[in-house]
Amino acid sequence: MSCAERLLLLAIRSIYLFFLLTVLHVVHFFAGTLAFCRRYLDRIGETKYLMALKNLCDAGIVQPYPPLCDVKGSFVAQYEHTILLKPTNKEVLSRGDDY
C-alpha cells in the first residue's frame, strides 16, 4: 500500500469518525437519555446519519428500541412522567423532588 493510499484511508476514517461523533453529540444534546426516533434527526436538519447511527447501535453506545405500537389507528405517546388527565386539569403523578 502506497503512502498516498494510506493518507486517503486515514482521511476517510477521520471523516467517518467526525460523522459518528457529530451524530452522537446531536442525539445526546436533543434527547439525552430519553428514547428518540430518526424522524427527530430529520426535523432538526441532520443528514447522512443512518450509517453512523447504525454503528453507534452496533457498538452498544446507543440502544435501539422498536417503535411503540398499539391498536391500528390509535395514538401512542411516550412521556418522561406519568400524567393523569382530568376533565378540568392535568396532574403529574411521577414528579419527585428531583424535578
C-alpha atoms as a PDB file:
ATOM      1  CA  MET A   1       0.000   0.000   0.000  1.00  0.00           C
ATOM      2  CA  SER A   2       1.460   3.344  -1.044  1.00  0.00           C
ATOM      3  CA  CYS A   3       1.763   6.406   1.171  1.00  0.00           C
ATOM      4  CA  ALA A   4      -0.991   8.198  -0.785  1.00  0.00           C
ATOM      5  CA  GLU A   5      -3.358   5.278  -0.275  1.00  0.00           C
ATOM      6  CA  ARG A   6      -2.615   5.265   3.459  1.00  0.00           C
ATOM      7  CA  LEU A   7      -3.279   9.004   3.692  1.00  0.00           C
ATOM      8  CA  LEU A   8      -6.541   8.554   1.813  1.00  0.00           C
ATOM      9  CA  LEU A   9      -7.611   5.765   4.188  1.00  0.00           C
ATOM     10  CA  LEU A  10      -6.709   7.929   7.184  1.00  0.00           C
ATOM     11  CA  ALA A  11      -8.698  10.841   5.762  1.00  0.00           C
ATOM     12  CA  ILE A  12     -11.741   8.622   5.175  1.00  0.00           C
ATOM     13  CA  ARG A  13     -11.537   7.254   8.728  1.00  0.00           C
ATOM     14  CA  SER A  14     -11.216  10.785  10.116  1.00  0.00           C
ATOM     15  CA  ILE A  15     -14.278  11.969   8.201  1.00  0.00           C
ATOM     16  CA  TYR A  16     -16.206   8.883   9.301  1.00  0.00           C
ATOM     17  CA  LEU A  17     -15.225   9.419  12.950  1.00  0.00           C
ATOM     18  CA  PHE A  18     -16.307  13.064  12.640  1.00  0.00           C
ATOM     19  CA  PHE A  19     -19.776  11.968  11.407  1.00  0.00           C
ATOM     20  CA  LEU A  20     -20.015   9.395  14.203  1.00  0.00           C
ATOM     21  CA  LEU A  21     -19.167  11.931  16.907  1.00  0.00           C
ATOM     22  CA  THR A  22     -21.451  14.558  15.366  1.00  0.00           C
ATOM     23  CA  VAL A  23     -24.444  12.193  15.413  1.00  0.00           C
ATOM     24  CA  LEU A  24     -23.641  11.125  18.968  1.00  0.00           C
ATOM     25  CA  HIS A  25     -23.415  14.763  20.094  1.00  0.00           C
ATOM     26  CA  VAL A  26     -26.719  15.671  18.415  1.00  0.00           C
ATOM     27  CA  VAL A  27     -28.516  12.684  19.952  1.00  0.00           C
ATOM     28  CA  HIS A  28     -27.097  13.438  23.396  1.00  0.00           C
ATOM     29  CA  PHE A  29     -27.907  17.156  23.154  1.00  0.00           C
ATOM     30  CA  PHE A  30     -31.505  16.783  21.928  1.00  0.00           C
ATOM     31  CA  ALA A  31     -32.581  13.523  23.573  1.00  0.00           C
ATOM     32  CA  GLY A  32     -30.179  12.947  26.456  1.00  0.00           C
ATOM     33  CA  THR A  33     -31.073   9.559  27.888  1.00  0.00           C
ATOM     34  CA  LEU A  34     -34.647   9.569  26.545  1.00  0.00           C
ATOM     35  CA  ALA A  35     -35.784   7.450  23.635  1.00  0.00           C
ATOM     36  CA  PHE A  36     -35.851   9.183  20.269  1.00  0.00           C
ATOM     37  CA  CYS A  37     -36.606   8.299  16.680  1.00  0.00           C
ATOM     38  CA  ARG A  38     -34.832   9.003  13.414  1.00  0.00           C
ATOM     39  CA  ARG A  39     -37.605  11.437  12.497  1.00  0.00           C
ATOM     40  CA  TYR A  40     -36.265  13.809  15.182  1.00  0.00           C
ATOM     41  CA  LEU A  41     -32.904  13.904  13.427  1.00  0.00           C
ATOM     42  CA  ASP A  42     -34.671  14.677  10.143  1.00  0.00           C
ATOM     43  CA  ARG A  43     -36.643  17.513  11.751  1.00  0.00           C
ATOM     44  CA  ILE A  44     -33.555  19.269  13.090  1.00  0.00           C
ATOM     45  CA  GLY A  45     -31.896  19.056   9.682  1.00  0.00           C
ATOM     46  CA  GLU A  46     -29.387  16.252  10.193  1.00  0.00           C
ATOM     47  CA  THR A  47     -28.469  14.378   7.023  1.00  0.00           C
ATOM     48  CA  LYS A  48     -26.362  11.310   6.279  1.00  0.00           C
ATOM     49  CA  TYR A  49     -26.695   9.887   9.789  1.00  0.00           C
ATOM     50  CA  LEU A  50     -28.007   6.369   9.136  1.00  0.00           C
ATOM     51  CA  MET A  51     -24.667   4.553   8.923  1.00  0.00           C
ATOM     52  CA  ALA A  52     -23.243   6.424  11.924  1.00  0.00           C
ATOM     53  CA  LEU A  53     -26.377   5.698  13.957  1.00  0.00           C
ATOM     54  CA  LYS A  54     -26.236   2.018  12.997  1.00  0.00           C
ATOM     55  CA  ASN A  55     -22.606   1.795  14.086  1.00  0.00           C
ATOM     56  CA  LEU A  56     -23.388   3.543  17.383  1.00  0.00           C
ATOM     57  CA  CYS A  57     -26.110   0.934  17.970  1.00  0.00           C
ATOM     58  CA  ASP A  58     -23.798  -1.935  16.973  1.00  0.00           C
ATOM     59  CA  ALA A  59     -21.149  -0.657  19.407  1.00  0.00           C
ATOM     60  CA  GLY A  60     -23.704  -0.511  22.231  1.00  0.00           C
ATOM     61  CA  ILE A  61     -23.340   3.251  22.687  1.00  0.00           C
ATOM     62  CA  VAL A  62     -26.942   3.862  21.592  1.00  0.00           C
ATOM     63  CA  GLN A  63     -29.585   1.242  22.381  1.00  0.00           C
ATOM     64  CA  PRO A  64     -32.155   0.568  19.648  1.00  0.00           C
ATOM     65  CA  TYR A  65     -35.783   0.129  20.669  1.00  0.00           C
ATOM     66  CA  PRO A  66     -38.677  -0.974  18.484  1.00  0.00           C
ATOM     67  CA  PRO A  67     -41.346   1.618  17.716  1.00  0.00           C
ATOM     68  CA  LEU A  68     -44.237   1.939  20.158  1.00  0.00           C
ATOM     69  CA  CYS A  69     -47.250   0.174  18.655  1.00  0.00           C
ATOM     70  CA  ASP A  70     -50.862  -0.100  19.713  1.00  0.00           C
ATOM     71  CA  VAL A  71     -54.196  -0.778  18.072  1.00  0.00           C
ATOM     72  CA  LYS A  72     -54.242   0.382  14.449  1.00  0.00           C
ATOM     73  CA  GLY A  73     -55.488   3.948  14.166  1.00  0.00           C
ATOM     74  CA  SER A  74     -54.821   4.859  17.796  1.00  0.00           C
ATOM     75  CA  PHE A  75     -52.269   7.325  19.122  1.00  0.00           C
ATOM     76  CA  VAL A  76     -49.236   6.277  21.156  1.00  0.00           C
ATOM     77  CA  ALA A  77     -47.113   8.672  23.171  1.00  0.00           C
ATOM     78  CA  GLN A  78     -44.103   8.360  25.434  1.00  0.00           C
ATOM     79  CA  TYR A  79     -43.545  10.772  28.301  1.00  0.00           C
ATOM     80  CA  GLU A  80     -40.924  11.187  30.969  1.00  0.00           C
ATOM     81  CA  HIS A  81     -43.648  11.338  33.643  1.00  0.00           C
ATOM     82  CA  THR A  82     -46.963   9.663  34.356  1.00  0.00           C
ATOM     83  CA  ILE A  83     -49.732  12.169  33.642  1.00  0.00           C
ATOM     84  CA  LEU A  84     -53.357  11.940  34.795  1.00  0.00           C
ATOM     85  CA  LEU A  85     -55.712  13.856  32.526  1.00  0.00           C
ATOM     86  CA  LYS A  86     -58.844  15.031  34.336  1.00  0.00           C
ATOM     87  CA  PRO A  87     -61.779  16.883  32.777  1.00  0.00           C
ATOM     88  CA  THR A  88     -60.695  20.192  34.312  1.00  0.00           C
ATOM     89  CA  ASN A  89     -56.927  19.872  34.806  1.00  0.00           C
ATOM     90  CA  LYS A  90     -53.784  17.763  34.401  1.00  0.00           C
ATOM     91  CA  GLU A  91     -51.800  16.178  37.222  1.00  0.00           C
ATOM     92  CA  VAL A  92     -48.234  14.858  37.061  1.00  0.00           C
ATOM     93  CA  LEU A  93     -48.145  11.732  39.233  1.00  0.00           C
ATOM     94  CA  SER A  94     -44.490  10.796  38.925  1.00  0.00           C
ATOM     95  CA  ARG A  95     -42.999  14.161  39.836  1.00  0.00           C
ATOM     96  CA  GLY A  96     -40.410  13.757  42.552  1.00  0.00           C
ATOM     97  CA  ASP A  97     -38.083  16.007  44.482  1.00  0.00           C
ATOM     98  CA  ASP A  98     -35.537  15.945  41.658  1.00  0.00           C
ATOM     99  CA  TYR A  99     -37.857  17.551  39.098  1.00  0.00           C
END
